[in-house]
């Protein structure tokens, strides 16, 4: 028998797979779910840009993992790089106007997918679960 805590984490892992599979339909916008999350985070950030390392932390990836995701996004014009005027070692990832447009279009699709995954009328439960996930490290708000 396993602990309730371990079973919870196994179920969270399964849920992540279910969510990722459902969000595959973002491909009609040329995005994966992580691409969508990156665009959302950049669009919500100060000046629509972030240091790569900060973006990696926010998404929950390594710096090299986020770089692998960003390379094709740069090639398709969704994001661009910007250097820091004061420190050449620092670069920023910036959402482009094309990235903003695609994000806006994909947002409606993502909201419809969300309605399909999460039960309506459970606002109190959703807040409790959201607060719990925030405590565990799911801190994108």
C-alpha atoms as a PDB file:
ATOM      1  CA  UNK A   1       0.000   0.000   0.000  1.00  0.00           C
ATOM      2  CA  UNK A   2       1.242   3.501  -0.758  1.00  0.00           C
ATOM      3  CA  UNK A   3       0.671   6.704   1.138  1.00  0.00           C
ATOM      4  CA  UNK A   4      -2.160   9.063   0.272  1.00  0.00           C
ATOM      5  CA  UNK A   5       0.477  11.700  -0.549  1.00  0.00           C
ATOM      6  CA  UNK A   6       2.214   9.460  -3.096  1.00  0.00           C
ATOM      7  CA  UNK A   7      -1.109   8.492  -4.633  1.00  0.00           C
ATOM      8  CA  UNK A   8      -1.973  12.203  -4.948  1.00  0.00           C
ATOM      9  CA  UNK A   9       1.276  12.862  -6.817  1.00  0.00           C
ATOM     10  CA  UNK A  10       0.688   9.891  -9.124  1.00  0.00           C
ATOM     11  CA  UNK A  11      -2.782  11.250  -9.870  1.00  0.00           C
ATOM     12  CA  UNK A  12      -1.380  14.747 -10.490  1.00  0.00           C
ATOM     13  CA  UNK A  13       1.071  13.195 -12.958  1.00  0.00           C
ATOM     14  CA  UNK A  14      -1.772  11.414 -14.772  1.00  0.00           C
ATOM     15  CA  UNK A  15      -3.815  14.611 -14.795  1.00  0.00           C
ATOM     16  CA  UNK A  16      -0.882  16.476 -16.349  1.00  0.00           C
ATOM     17  CA  UNK A  17      -0.846  13.921 -19.177  1.00  0.00           C
ATOM     18  CA  UNK A  18      -4.603  14.252 -19.694  1.00  0.00           C
ATOM     19  CA  UNK A  19      -4.344  18.040 -19.754  1.00  0.00           C
ATOM     20  CA  UNK A  20      -1.420  18.005 -22.198  1.00  0.00           C
ATOM     21  CA  UNK A  21      -3.312  15.672 -24.536  1.00  0.00           C
ATOM     22  CA  UNK A  22      -6.438  17.844 -24.481  1.00  0.00           C
ATOM     23  CA  UNK A  23      -4.414  20.987 -25.137  1.00  0.00           C
ATOM     24  CA  UNK A  24      -2.887  19.388 -28.236  1.00  0.00           C
ATOM     25  CA  UNK A  25      -5.724  21.108 -30.105  1.00  0.00           C
ATOM     26  CA  UNK A  26      -3.802  24.379 -29.674  1.00  0.00           C
ATOM     27  CA  UNK A  27      -1.824  23.075 -32.651  1.00  0.00           C
ATOM     28  CA  UNK A  28      -4.400  24.769 -34.912  1.00  0.00           C
ATOM     29  CA  UNK A  29      -2.673  27.983 -33.776  1.00  0.00           C
ATOM     30  CA  UNK A  30       0.794  26.490 -34.265  1.00  0.00           C
ATOM     31  CA  UNK A  31       1.314  26.161 -30.505  1.00  0.00           C
ATOM     32  CA  UNK A  32       1.900  23.483 -27.947  1.00  0.00           C
ATOM     33  CA  UNK A  33       0.663  23.924 -24.394  1.00  0.00           C
ATOM     34  CA  UNK A  34       4.115  25.007 -23.153  1.00  0.00           C
ATOM     35  CA  UNK A  35       4.361  27.524 -26.013  1.00  0.00           C
ATOM     36  CA  UNK A  36       0.987  28.906 -24.993  1.00  0.00           C
ATOM     37  CA  UNK A  37       2.114  29.154 -21.347  1.00  0.00           C
ATOM     38  CA  UNK A  38       5.306  30.973 -22.362  1.00  0.00           C
ATOM     39  CA  UNK A  39       3.383  33.502 -24.467  1.00  0.00           C
ATOM     40  CA  UNK A  40       0.904  34.021 -21.632  1.00  0.00           C
ATOM     41  CA  UNK A  41       3.675  34.594 -19.084  1.00  0.00           C
ATOM     42  CA  UNK A  42       5.568  36.987 -21.340  1.00  0.00           C
ATOM     43  CA  UNK A  43       2.412  38.909 -22.211  1.00  0.00           C
ATOM     44  CA  UNK A  44       1.597  39.228 -18.494  1.00  0.00           C
ATOM     45  CA  UNK A  45       5.092  40.305 -17.477  1.00  0.00           C
ATOM     46  CA  UNK A  46       6.445  43.793 -17.044  1.00  0.00           C
ATOM     47  CA  UNK A  47       7.275  45.268 -20.454  1.00  0.00           C
ATOM     48  CA  UNK A  48       6.290  41.918 -22.061  1.00  0.00           C
ATOM     49  CA  UNK A  49       9.766  40.514 -21.514  1.00  0.00           C
ATOM     50  CA  UNK A  50      11.718  38.346 -19.082  1.00  0.00           C
ATOM     51  CA  UNK A  51      15.203  37.024 -18.614  1.00  0.00           C
ATOM     52  CA  UNK A  52      15.432  33.448 -19.915  1.00  0.00           C
ATOM     53  CA  UNK A  53      16.366  32.099 -16.495  1.00  0.00           C
ATOM     54  CA  UNK A  54      13.352  33.813 -14.892  1.00  0.00           C
ATOM     55  CA  UNK A  55      11.067  32.490 -17.622  1.00  0.00           C
ATOM     56  CA  UNK A  56      12.440  28.971 -17.113  1.00  0.00           C
ATOM     57  CA  UNK A  57      11.764  29.242 -13.378  1.00  0.00           C
ATOM     58  CA  UNK A  58       8.237  30.529 -13.961  1.00  0.00           C
ATOM     59  CA  UNK A  59       7.400  27.693 -16.387  1.00  0.00           C
ATOM     60  CA  UNK A  60       9.103  25.074 -14.232  1.00  0.00           C
ATOM     61  CA  UNK A  61      11.784  24.101 -16.736  1.00  0.00           C
ATOM     62  CA  UNK A  62      15.564  24.230 -16.809  1.00  0.00           C
ATOM     63  CA  UNK A  63      17.282  27.073 -18.655  1.00  0.00           C
ATOM     64  CA  UNK A  64      18.265  24.688 -21.463  1.00  0.00           C
ATOM     65  CA  UNK A  65      14.721  23.279 -21.583  1.00  0.00           C
ATOM     66  CA  UNK A  66      13.188  26.704 -22.053  1.00  0.00           C
ATOM     67  CA  UNK A  67      15.829  27.552 -24.680  1.00  0.00           C
ATOM     68  CA  UNK A  68      14.821  24.434 -26.654  1.00  0.00           C
ATOM     69  CA  UNK A  69      11.210  25.639 -26.563  1.00  0.00           C
ATOM     70  CA  UNK A  70      12.092  29.206 -27.480  1.00  0.00           C
ATOM     71  CA  UNK A  71      14.243  28.447 -30.552  1.00  0.00           C
ATOM     72  CA  UNK A  72      11.327  27.426 -32.825  1.00  0.00           C
ATOM     73  CA  UNK A  73       9.205  30.220 -31.346  1.00  0.00           C
ATOM     74  CA  UNK A  74      11.897  32.699 -32.384  1.00  0.00           C
ATOM     75  CA  UNK A  75      12.051  31.228 -35.886  1.00  0.00           C
ATOM     76  CA  UNK A  76       8.300  31.644 -36.326  1.00  0.00           C
ATOM     77  CA  UNK A  77       8.368  35.212 -34.995  1.00  0.00           C
ATOM     78  CA  UNK A  78       6.403  34.669 -31.783  1.00  0.00           C
ATOM     79  CA  UNK A  79       9.235  35.844 -29.549  1.00  0.00           C
ATOM     80  CA  UNK A  80      12.495  37.657 -30.046  1.00  0.00           C
ATOM     81  CA  UNK A  81      15.687  38.246 -28.090  1.00  0.00           C
ATOM     82  CA  UNK A  82      16.685  41.565 -26.638  1.00  0.00           C
ATOM     83  CA  UNK A  83      20.050  42.314 -25.088  1.00  0.00           C
ATOM     84  CA  UNK A  84      20.525  44.310 -21.929  1.00  0.00           C
ATOM     85  CA  UNK A  85      22.141  47.669 -22.638  1.00  0.00           C
ATOM     86  CA  UNK A  86      24.096  47.600 -19.365  1.00  0.00           C
ATOM     87  CA  UNK A  87      25.125  43.940 -19.236  1.00  0.00           C
ATOM     88  CA  UNK A  88      25.843  42.007 -22.445  1.00  0.00           C
ATOM     89  CA  UNK A  89      25.645  38.710 -20.531  1.00  0.00           C
ATOM     90  CA  UNK A  90      21.933  39.266 -19.898  1.00  0.00           C
ATOM     91  CA  UNK A  91      19.343  38.769 -22.610  1.00  0.00           C
ATOM     92  CA  UNK A  92      15.597  38.978 -22.526  1.00  0.00           C
ATOM     93  CA  UNK A  93      12.853  37.044 -24.259  1.00  0.00           C
ATOM     94  CA  UNK A  94      10.237  39.421 -25.648  1.00  0.00           C
ATOM     95  CA  UNK A  95       6.813  38.549 -27.018  1.00  0.00           C
ATOM     96  CA  UNK A  96       6.348  40.027 -30.495  1.00  0.00           C
ATOM     97  CA  UNK A  97       3.204  41.558 -31.943  1.00  0.00           C
ATOM     98  CA  UNK A  98       2.726  38.304 -33.879  1.00  0.00           C
ATOM     99  CA  UNK A  99       3.084  36.373 -30.621  1.00  0.00           C
ATOM    100  CA  UNK A 100       0.454  38.595 -28.995  1.00  0.00           C
ATOM    101  CA  UNK A 101      -1.930  38.067 -31.908  1.00  0.00           C
ATOM    102  CA  UNK A 102      -1.504  34.273 -31.842  1.00  0.00           C
ATOM    103  CA  UNK A 103      -1.901  34.264 -28.042  1.00  0.00           C
ATOM    104  CA  UNK A 104      -5.138  36.229 -28.326  1.00  0.00           C
ATOM    105  CA  UNK A 105      -6.493  33.791 -30.925  1.00  0.00           C
ATOM    106  CA  UNK A 106      -5.349  30.731 -28.944  1.00  0.00           C
ATOM    107  CA  UNK A 107      -6.843  32.058 -25.720  1.00  0.00           C
ATOM    108  CA  UNK A 108     -10.397  31.360 -26.907  1.00  0.00           C
ATOM    109  CA  UNK A 109      -9.422  27.792 -27.811  1.00  0.00           C
ATOM    110  CA  UNK A 110      -7.679  27.334 -24.446  1.00  0.00           C
ATOM    111  CA  UNK A 111     -10.713  28.637 -22.546  1.00  0.00           C
ATOM    112  CA  UNK A 112     -12.971  26.164 -24.403  1.00  0.00           C
ATOM    113  CA  UNK A 113     -10.584  23.303 -23.595  1.00  0.00           C
ATOM    114  CA  UNK A 114     -10.588  24.409 -19.959  1.00  0.00           C
ATOM    115  CA  UNK A 115     -14.392  24.291 -19.837  1.00  0.00           C
ATOM    116  CA  UNK A 116     -14.202  20.751 -21.179  1.00  0.00           C
ATOM    117  CA  UNK A 117     -11.695  19.651 -18.497  1.00  0.00           C
ATOM    118  CA  UNK A 118     -12.913  21.457 -15.386  1.00  0.00           C
ATOM    119  CA  UNK A 119     -16.425  21.100 -14.005  1.00  0.00           C
ATOM    120  CA  UNK A 120     -18.502  24.255 -14.001  1.00  0.00           C
ATOM    121  CA  UNK A 121     -20.119  25.428 -10.779  1.00  0.00           C
ATOM    122  CA  UNK A 122     -17.222  24.301  -8.605  1.00  0.00           C
ATOM    123  CA  UNK A 123     -15.650  27.733  -8.073  1.00  0.00           C
ATOM    124  CA  UNK A 124     -15.057  27.186  -4.352  1.00  0.00           C
ATOM    125  CA  UNK A 125     -13.369  23.819  -4.964  1.00  0.00           C
ATOM    126  CA  UNK A 126     -11.277  25.262  -7.800  1.00  0.00           C
ATOM    127  CA  UNK A 127      -9.984  28.040  -5.556  1.00  0.00           C
ATOM    128  CA  UNK A 128      -9.012  25.528  -2.863  1.00  0.00           C
ATOM    129  CA  UNK A 129      -7.194  23.305  -5.357  1.00  0.00           C
ATOM    130  CA  UNK A 130      -5.555  26.320  -7.000  1.00  0.00           C
ATOM    131  CA  UNK A 131      -4.315  27.598  -3.633  1.00  0.00           C
ATOM    132  CA  UNK A 132      -2.944  24.136  -2.803  1.00  0.00           C
ATOM    133  CA  UNK A 133      -1.133  23.854  -6.150  1.00  0.00           C
ATOM    134  CA  UNK A 134       0.288  27.344  -5.601  1.00  0.00           C
ATOM    135  CA  UNK A 135       1.761  26.172  -2.298  1.00  0.00           C
ATOM    136  CA  UNK A 136       3.321  23.179  -4.061  1.00  0.00           C
ATOM    137  CA  UNK A 137       5.030  25.390  -6.643  1.00  0.00           C
ATOM    138  CA  UNK A 138       2.380  25.934  -9.305  1.00  0.00           C
ATOM    139  CA  UNK A 139       2.729  29.667  -8.847  1.00  0.00           C
ATOM    140  CA  UNK A 140       1.781  31.185 -12.197  1.00  0.00           C
ATOM    141  CA  UNK A 141      -0.848  33.804 -11.423  1.00  0.00           C
END
